[in-house]
N, C-alpha and C. Protein backbone atom coordinates (compact mmCIF):
# COMPACT_ATOMS: atom_id res chain seq x y z
N UNK A 1 -19.48 16.84 1.75
CA UNK A 1 -18.56 15.93 1.09
C UNK A 1 -17.72 15.23 2.15
N UNK A 2 -17.65 13.93 2.04
CA UNK A 2 -16.86 13.15 2.97
C UNK A 2 -15.59 12.64 2.31
N UNK A 3 -14.96 11.71 2.97
CA UNK A 3 -13.77 11.07 2.44
C UNK A 3 -14.07 9.60 2.17
N UNK A 4 -13.40 9.04 1.22
CA UNK A 4 -13.59 7.62 0.88
C UNK A 4 -12.48 6.75 1.44
N UNK A 5 -11.46 7.37 2.03
CA UNK A 5 -10.26 6.65 2.43
C UNK A 5 -10.52 5.53 3.44
N UNK A 6 -11.23 5.83 4.50
CA UNK A 6 -11.40 4.84 5.55
C UNK A 6 -12.45 3.78 5.19
N UNK A 7 -13.41 4.14 4.35
CA UNK A 7 -14.35 3.15 3.82
C UNK A 7 -13.60 2.14 2.94
N UNK A 8 -12.70 2.64 2.10
CA UNK A 8 -11.91 1.77 1.22
C UNK A 8 -10.98 0.88 2.03
N UNK A 9 -10.38 1.42 3.05
CA UNK A 9 -9.47 0.65 3.90
C UNK A 9 -10.20 -0.51 4.57
N UNK A 10 -11.36 -0.23 5.13
CA UNK A 10 -12.15 -1.29 5.80
C UNK A 10 -12.67 -2.30 4.78
N UNK A 11 -13.03 -1.85 3.59
CA UNK A 11 -13.47 -2.78 2.55
C UNK A 11 -12.35 -3.72 2.16
N UNK A 12 -11.12 -3.21 2.03
CA UNK A 12 -9.98 -4.04 1.66
C UNK A 12 -9.70 -5.08 2.75
N UNK A 13 -9.77 -4.67 4.00
CA UNK A 13 -9.52 -5.60 5.10
C UNK A 13 -10.54 -6.75 5.08
N UNK A 14 -11.81 -6.41 4.98
CA UNK A 14 -12.83 -7.46 4.99
C UNK A 14 -12.77 -8.32 3.72
N UNK A 15 -12.43 -7.72 2.58
CA UNK A 15 -12.32 -8.47 1.32
C UNK A 15 -11.25 -9.56 1.43
N UNK A 16 -10.07 -9.20 1.90
CA UNK A 16 -8.98 -10.18 2.01
C UNK A 16 -9.33 -11.27 3.02
N UNK A 17 -9.86 -10.87 4.17
CA UNK A 17 -10.22 -11.86 5.20
C UNK A 17 -11.31 -12.82 4.72
N UNK A 18 -12.34 -12.28 4.08
CA UNK A 18 -13.49 -13.10 3.67
C UNK A 18 -13.19 -14.01 2.49
N UNK A 19 -12.34 -13.58 1.58
CA UNK A 19 -12.11 -14.34 0.34
C UNK A 19 -10.85 -15.20 0.38
N UNK A 20 -10.08 -15.14 1.45
CA UNK A 20 -8.80 -15.85 1.50
C UNK A 20 -9.00 -17.35 1.34
N UNK A 21 -8.31 -17.95 0.37
CA UNK A 21 -8.29 -19.38 0.20
C UNK A 21 -9.56 -20.01 -0.35
N UNK A 22 -10.48 -19.22 -0.85
CA UNK A 22 -11.73 -19.79 -1.36
C UNK A 22 -11.49 -20.58 -2.64
N UNK A 23 -10.61 -20.11 -3.51
CA UNK A 23 -10.42 -20.78 -4.79
C UNK A 23 -9.10 -21.54 -4.89
N UNK A 24 -8.26 -21.42 -3.87
CA UNK A 24 -6.99 -22.15 -3.91
C UNK A 24 -6.58 -22.51 -2.49
N UNK A 25 -5.63 -23.39 -2.38
CA UNK A 25 -5.15 -23.79 -1.06
C UNK A 25 -3.83 -23.07 -0.82
N UNK A 26 -3.86 -22.06 0.03
CA UNK A 26 -2.65 -21.28 0.30
C UNK A 26 -2.32 -21.28 1.80
N UNK A 27 -2.96 -22.12 2.55
CA UNK A 27 -2.66 -22.18 3.98
C UNK A 27 -3.58 -21.30 4.80
N UNK A 28 -3.20 -21.14 6.04
CA UNK A 28 -4.01 -20.36 6.98
C UNK A 28 -4.14 -18.91 6.55
N UNK A 29 -5.23 -18.31 6.94
CA UNK A 29 -5.44 -16.89 6.67
C UNK A 29 -4.40 -16.08 7.42
N UNK A 30 -3.71 -15.19 6.76
CA UNK A 30 -2.73 -14.37 7.46
C UNK A 30 -3.41 -13.35 8.36
N UNK A 31 -2.64 -12.78 9.23
CA UNK A 31 -3.14 -11.68 10.06
C UNK A 31 -3.27 -10.46 9.15
N UNK A 32 -4.47 -9.89 9.05
CA UNK A 32 -4.72 -8.73 8.19
C UNK A 32 -5.00 -7.55 9.10
N UNK A 33 -4.11 -6.56 9.08
CA UNK A 33 -4.23 -5.42 9.99
C UNK A 33 -3.97 -4.12 9.26
N UNK A 34 -4.54 -3.06 9.81
CA UNK A 34 -4.22 -1.71 9.36
C UNK A 34 -2.92 -1.31 10.05
N UNK A 35 -2.10 -0.54 9.39
CA UNK A 35 -0.74 -0.24 9.85
C UNK A 35 -0.70 0.30 11.28
N UNK A 36 -1.66 1.13 11.68
CA UNK A 36 -1.59 1.71 13.02
C UNK A 36 -2.01 0.71 14.10
N UNK A 37 -2.57 -0.43 13.72
CA UNK A 37 -2.85 -1.48 14.69
C UNK A 37 -1.61 -2.33 14.96
N UNK A 38 -0.60 -2.19 14.14
CA UNK A 38 0.59 -3.02 14.21
C UNK A 38 1.81 -2.25 14.74
N UNK A 39 1.62 -1.03 15.19
CA UNK A 39 2.75 -0.24 15.69
C UNK A 39 3.27 -0.86 16.99
N UNK A 40 4.40 -1.51 16.89
CA UNK A 40 4.98 -2.17 18.05
C UNK A 40 6.48 -1.96 18.04
N UNK A 41 7.09 -2.16 19.18
CA UNK A 41 8.53 -2.12 19.29
C UNK A 41 8.98 -3.51 19.70
N UNK A 42 10.02 -4.02 19.08
CA UNK A 42 10.50 -5.34 19.43
C UNK A 42 10.21 -6.34 18.34
N UNK A 43 10.13 -7.59 18.73
CA UNK A 43 9.94 -8.66 17.76
C UNK A 43 8.48 -8.78 17.36
N UNK A 44 8.28 -9.02 16.09
CA UNK A 44 6.93 -9.27 15.58
C UNK A 44 6.60 -10.75 15.80
N UNK A 45 5.37 -11.11 15.56
CA UNK A 45 4.96 -12.51 15.66
C UNK A 45 5.46 -13.24 14.43
N UNK A 46 6.59 -13.89 14.53
CA UNK A 46 7.21 -14.52 13.37
C UNK A 46 6.59 -15.87 13.03
N UNK A 47 5.56 -16.28 13.77
CA UNK A 47 4.90 -17.54 13.44
C UNK A 47 3.71 -17.34 12.52
N UNK A 48 3.31 -16.10 12.29
CA UNK A 48 2.14 -15.82 11.45
C UNK A 48 2.53 -14.95 10.27
N UNK A 49 1.93 -15.26 9.13
CA UNK A 49 2.06 -14.38 7.97
C UNK A 49 1.23 -13.13 8.24
N UNK A 50 1.64 -12.01 7.67
CA UNK A 50 0.98 -10.74 7.96
C UNK A 50 0.73 -9.96 6.68
N UNK A 51 -0.44 -9.34 6.62
CA UNK A 51 -0.75 -8.39 5.55
C UNK A 51 -1.10 -7.08 6.24
N UNK A 52 -0.32 -6.05 5.95
CA UNK A 52 -0.54 -4.72 6.53
C UNK A 52 -1.14 -3.80 5.47
N UNK A 53 -2.19 -3.11 5.83
CA UNK A 53 -2.87 -2.18 4.93
C UNK A 53 -2.60 -0.76 5.40
N UNK A 54 -2.32 0.12 4.45
CA UNK A 54 -2.06 1.51 4.79
C UNK A 54 -2.66 2.42 3.73
N UNK A 55 -3.52 3.36 4.16
CA UNK A 55 -4.02 4.34 3.19
C UNK A 55 -2.89 5.29 2.82
N UNK A 56 -2.72 5.57 1.55
CA UNK A 56 -1.60 6.40 1.12
C UNK A 56 -2.01 7.77 0.60
N UNK A 57 -3.07 7.83 -0.19
CA UNK A 57 -3.38 9.09 -0.85
C UNK A 57 -4.83 9.06 -1.31
N UNK A 58 -5.48 10.21 -1.26
CA UNK A 58 -6.82 10.33 -1.82
C UNK A 58 -6.85 11.56 -2.72
N UNK A 59 -7.08 11.32 -4.00
CA UNK A 59 -7.19 12.41 -4.96
C UNK A 59 -8.67 12.60 -5.27
N UNK A 60 -9.11 13.84 -5.33
CA UNK A 60 -10.52 14.14 -5.57
C UNK A 60 -10.65 14.94 -6.86
N UNK A 61 -11.44 14.41 -7.80
CA UNK A 61 -11.72 15.09 -9.05
C UNK A 61 -13.14 15.66 -9.00
N UNK A 62 -13.26 16.93 -9.33
CA UNK A 62 -14.56 17.59 -9.36
C UNK A 62 -15.07 17.55 -10.80
N UNK A 63 -16.35 17.24 -10.96
CA UNK A 63 -16.96 17.28 -12.28
C UNK A 63 -18.44 17.59 -12.12
N UNK A 64 -19.15 17.70 -13.22
CA UNK A 64 -20.56 18.08 -13.17
C UNK A 64 -20.68 19.60 -13.17
N UNK A 65 -21.87 20.08 -13.25
CA UNK A 65 -22.12 21.51 -13.30
C UNK A 65 -21.64 22.17 -12.01
N UNK A 66 -20.72 23.12 -12.14
CA UNK A 66 -20.13 23.86 -11.01
C UNK A 66 -19.48 22.93 -9.99
N UNK A 67 -18.92 21.81 -10.43
CA UNK A 67 -18.23 20.90 -9.52
C UNK A 67 -19.15 20.26 -8.50
N UNK A 68 -20.36 19.89 -8.93
CA UNK A 68 -21.35 19.35 -7.99
C UNK A 68 -21.15 17.87 -7.69
N UNK A 69 -20.31 17.18 -8.45
CA UNK A 69 -20.03 15.77 -8.20
C UNK A 69 -18.53 15.58 -7.98
N UNK A 70 -18.20 14.53 -7.25
CA UNK A 70 -16.82 14.28 -6.85
C UNK A 70 -16.47 12.83 -7.06
N UNK A 71 -15.33 12.57 -7.71
CA UNK A 71 -14.82 11.21 -7.87
C UNK A 71 -13.55 11.11 -7.04
N UNK A 72 -13.56 10.23 -6.06
CA UNK A 72 -12.43 10.05 -5.15
C UNK A 72 -11.60 8.84 -5.60
N UNK A 73 -10.29 9.03 -5.69
CA UNK A 73 -9.34 7.97 -6.02
C UNK A 73 -8.52 7.71 -4.76
N UNK A 74 -8.66 6.53 -4.18
CA UNK A 74 -7.95 6.20 -2.93
C UNK A 74 -6.92 5.13 -3.20
N UNK A 75 -5.65 5.40 -2.84
CA UNK A 75 -4.59 4.42 -2.97
C UNK A 75 -4.39 3.73 -1.62
N UNK A 76 -4.37 2.39 -1.65
CA UNK A 76 -4.12 1.58 -0.47
C UNK A 76 -2.86 0.77 -0.72
N UNK A 77 -1.90 0.88 0.19
CA UNK A 77 -0.68 0.07 0.10
C UNK A 77 -0.92 -1.22 0.86
N UNK A 78 -0.58 -2.34 0.23
CA UNK A 78 -0.75 -3.66 0.83
C UNK A 78 0.64 -4.27 0.98
N UNK A 79 1.09 -4.43 2.22
CA UNK A 79 2.38 -5.05 2.49
C UNK A 79 2.15 -6.49 2.90
N UNK A 80 2.76 -7.41 2.18
CA UNK A 80 2.60 -8.83 2.44
C UNK A 80 3.93 -9.34 3.01
N UNK A 81 3.88 -9.88 4.24
CA UNK A 81 5.08 -10.32 4.95
C UNK A 81 4.98 -11.81 5.28
N UNK A 82 6.08 -12.51 5.17
CA UNK A 82 6.18 -13.87 5.69
C UNK A 82 7.60 -14.11 6.18
N UNK A 83 7.72 -15.01 7.14
CA UNK A 83 9.03 -15.38 7.67
C UNK A 83 9.42 -16.78 7.19
N UNK A 84 8.61 -17.36 6.30
CA UNK A 84 8.86 -18.74 5.87
C UNK A 84 9.89 -18.81 4.75
N UNK A 85 9.48 -18.46 3.51
CA UNK A 85 10.39 -18.53 2.37
C UNK A 85 9.76 -17.81 1.18
N UNK A 86 10.52 -17.72 0.10
CA UNK A 86 10.06 -17.02 -1.09
C UNK A 86 8.84 -17.69 -1.73
N UNK A 87 8.79 -19.00 -1.66
CA UNK A 87 7.64 -19.72 -2.23
C UNK A 87 6.36 -19.35 -1.51
N UNK A 88 6.41 -19.28 -0.19
CA UNK A 88 5.22 -18.88 0.58
C UNK A 88 4.82 -17.46 0.22
N UNK A 89 5.79 -16.56 0.12
CA UNK A 89 5.48 -15.17 -0.25
C UNK A 89 4.83 -15.13 -1.63
N UNK A 90 5.37 -15.86 -2.57
CA UNK A 90 4.82 -15.89 -3.93
C UNK A 90 3.37 -16.36 -3.91
N UNK A 91 3.07 -17.41 -3.14
CA UNK A 91 1.70 -17.90 -3.05
C UNK A 91 0.76 -16.87 -2.41
N UNK A 92 1.25 -16.16 -1.41
CA UNK A 92 0.43 -15.13 -0.76
C UNK A 92 0.15 -13.97 -1.72
N UNK A 93 1.17 -13.53 -2.46
CA UNK A 93 0.99 -12.44 -3.42
C UNK A 93 0.00 -12.84 -4.50
N UNK A 94 0.13 -14.06 -4.99
CA UNK A 94 -0.81 -14.55 -6.00
C UNK A 94 -2.24 -14.56 -5.47
N UNK A 95 -2.42 -14.97 -4.22
CA UNK A 95 -3.76 -15.04 -3.64
C UNK A 95 -4.36 -13.64 -3.48
N UNK A 96 -3.57 -12.68 -2.98
CA UNK A 96 -4.08 -11.31 -2.82
C UNK A 96 -4.43 -10.70 -4.17
N UNK A 97 -3.56 -10.87 -5.16
CA UNK A 97 -3.86 -10.29 -6.48
C UNK A 97 -5.08 -10.96 -7.10
N UNK A 98 -5.24 -12.26 -6.90
CA UNK A 98 -6.42 -12.95 -7.42
C UNK A 98 -7.69 -12.44 -6.75
N UNK A 99 -7.65 -12.25 -5.45
CA UNK A 99 -8.81 -11.73 -4.72
C UNK A 99 -9.21 -10.37 -5.27
N UNK A 100 -8.24 -9.49 -5.45
CA UNK A 100 -8.54 -8.13 -5.93
C UNK A 100 -9.05 -8.16 -7.37
N UNK A 101 -8.38 -8.91 -8.23
CA UNK A 101 -8.80 -8.97 -9.64
C UNK A 101 -10.18 -9.61 -9.81
N UNK A 102 -10.53 -10.54 -8.93
CA UNK A 102 -11.86 -11.17 -8.99
C UNK A 102 -12.96 -10.27 -8.42
N UNK A 103 -12.58 -9.18 -7.79
CA UNK A 103 -13.55 -8.30 -7.13
C UNK A 103 -13.40 -6.85 -7.59
N UNK A 104 -13.23 -6.67 -8.88
CA UNK A 104 -13.09 -5.33 -9.44
C UNK A 104 -14.31 -4.47 -9.12
N UNK A 105 -15.49 -5.05 -9.23
CA UNK A 105 -16.72 -4.33 -8.89
C UNK A 105 -17.00 -4.53 -7.41
N UNK A 106 -17.12 -3.43 -6.67
CA UNK A 106 -17.36 -3.48 -5.23
C UNK A 106 -18.62 -2.69 -4.90
N UNK A 107 -19.38 -3.16 -3.94
CA UNK A 107 -20.56 -2.44 -3.49
C UNK A 107 -20.14 -1.08 -2.94
N UNK A 108 -20.82 -0.03 -3.35
CA UNK A 108 -20.56 1.36 -2.93
C UNK A 108 -19.31 1.98 -3.53
N UNK A 109 -18.63 1.28 -4.43
CA UNK A 109 -17.45 1.84 -5.09
C UNK A 109 -17.62 1.69 -6.59
N UNK A 110 -16.96 2.56 -7.36
CA UNK A 110 -16.97 2.43 -8.81
C UNK A 110 -16.20 1.19 -9.22
N UNK A 111 -14.96 1.06 -8.71
CA UNK A 111 -14.15 -0.11 -9.00
C UNK A 111 -12.95 -0.18 -8.07
N UNK A 112 -12.23 -1.29 -8.21
CA UNK A 112 -11.02 -1.56 -7.44
C UNK A 112 -10.02 -2.20 -8.39
N UNK A 113 -8.78 -1.71 -8.40
CA UNK A 113 -7.78 -2.29 -9.30
C UNK A 113 -6.39 -2.22 -8.69
N UNK A 114 -5.54 -3.14 -9.11
CA UNK A 114 -4.13 -3.12 -8.70
C UNK A 114 -3.39 -2.17 -9.62
N UNK A 115 -2.61 -1.26 -9.04
CA UNK A 115 -1.89 -0.28 -9.85
C UNK A 115 -0.38 -0.36 -9.70
N UNK A 116 0.11 -1.21 -8.77
CA UNK A 116 1.55 -1.32 -8.60
C UNK A 116 1.94 -2.57 -7.84
N UNK A 117 3.17 -3.04 -8.08
CA UNK A 117 3.68 -4.23 -7.43
C UNK A 117 5.20 -4.11 -7.31
N UNK A 118 5.70 -4.25 -6.07
CA UNK A 118 7.14 -4.08 -5.83
C UNK A 118 7.63 -5.20 -4.92
N UNK A 119 8.72 -5.84 -5.30
CA UNK A 119 9.39 -6.79 -4.42
C UNK A 119 10.23 -5.99 -3.43
N UNK A 120 10.07 -6.27 -2.15
CA UNK A 120 10.77 -5.47 -1.14
C UNK A 120 11.53 -6.33 -0.15
N UNK A 121 11.90 -7.53 -0.54
CA UNK A 121 12.61 -8.45 0.36
C UNK A 121 14.09 -8.15 0.48
N UNK A 122 14.63 -7.36 -0.42
CA UNK A 122 16.08 -7.17 -0.49
C UNK A 122 16.69 -6.47 0.71
N UNK A 123 15.92 -5.70 1.47
CA UNK A 123 16.50 -4.97 2.60
C UNK A 123 16.34 -5.71 3.92
N UNK A 124 15.80 -6.91 3.89
CA UNK A 124 15.55 -7.66 5.11
C UNK A 124 16.29 -8.98 5.10
N UNK A 125 16.60 -9.47 6.27
CA UNK A 125 17.23 -10.77 6.40
C UNK A 125 16.21 -11.70 7.06
N UNK A 126 15.94 -12.83 6.44
CA UNK A 126 15.00 -13.83 6.94
C UNK A 126 13.56 -13.33 7.00
N UNK A 127 13.26 -12.29 6.24
CA UNK A 127 11.89 -11.80 6.10
C UNK A 127 11.65 -11.60 4.61
N UNK A 128 10.51 -12.08 4.13
CA UNK A 128 10.15 -11.91 2.73
C UNK A 128 8.97 -10.95 2.68
N UNK A 129 9.08 -9.94 1.82
CA UNK A 129 8.07 -8.87 1.79
C UNK A 129 7.78 -8.48 0.34
N UNK A 130 6.52 -8.18 0.08
CA UNK A 130 6.09 -7.69 -1.23
C UNK A 130 5.06 -6.59 -0.99
N UNK A 131 5.10 -5.54 -1.81
CA UNK A 131 4.15 -4.44 -1.68
C UNK A 131 3.31 -4.32 -2.94
N UNK A 132 1.99 -4.27 -2.74
CA UNK A 132 1.05 -4.01 -3.83
C UNK A 132 0.39 -2.66 -3.56
N UNK A 133 0.00 -1.98 -4.61
CA UNK A 133 -0.80 -0.77 -4.47
C UNK A 133 -2.11 -1.02 -5.19
N UNK A 134 -3.20 -0.72 -4.49
CA UNK A 134 -4.53 -0.88 -5.09
C UNK A 134 -5.22 0.47 -5.07
N UNK A 135 -6.08 0.70 -6.06
CA UNK A 135 -6.81 1.96 -6.16
C UNK A 135 -8.31 1.69 -6.14
N UNK A 136 -8.98 2.36 -5.22
CA UNK A 136 -10.44 2.38 -5.19
C UNK A 136 -10.90 3.69 -5.82
N UNK A 137 -12.05 3.65 -6.48
CA UNK A 137 -12.70 4.88 -6.94
C UNK A 137 -14.11 4.88 -6.40
N UNK A 138 -14.52 6.05 -5.88
CA UNK A 138 -15.85 6.17 -5.28
C UNK A 138 -16.45 7.51 -5.65
N UNK A 139 -17.73 7.49 -6.02
CA UNK A 139 -18.46 8.71 -6.35
C UNK A 139 -19.13 9.29 -5.11
N UNK A 140 -18.97 10.56 -4.90
CA UNK A 140 -19.71 11.33 -3.89
C UNK A 140 -19.83 10.63 -2.54
N UNK A 141 -18.71 10.34 -1.88
CA UNK A 141 -18.82 9.70 -0.55
C UNK A 141 -19.49 10.65 0.45
N UNK A 142 -20.16 10.07 1.39
CA UNK A 142 -20.85 10.88 2.40
C UNK A 142 -20.03 11.03 3.65
């Protein structure tokens, strides 16, 4: 039995990069990174919009005769950052949610869905941030 966490994380990264702006005009593709690729001290690149992905939790349900099958539930936190304004953040959030909702069925996964949405701009000055939570489900990862 393997884990589905890192497969889901890489799928989310490629999904956002590949589908960005296909159905709407939202500007340049933001920088899409996994949280540990962005660990820095000092000023961030304030000229680029950023989407940070972070695996949060993997729950495993056993089913089948004697627990012979496994359904993995992987939560991915999606942090959407911009230094422009609230309108730009709103457009970015709409684009990410549209991408995910249009791709509920994923190759090698049961499904993908948004399970949470939080505005997180209130603790920052001149930074606009929104957090989404998405859930992947995968059967019997290797």
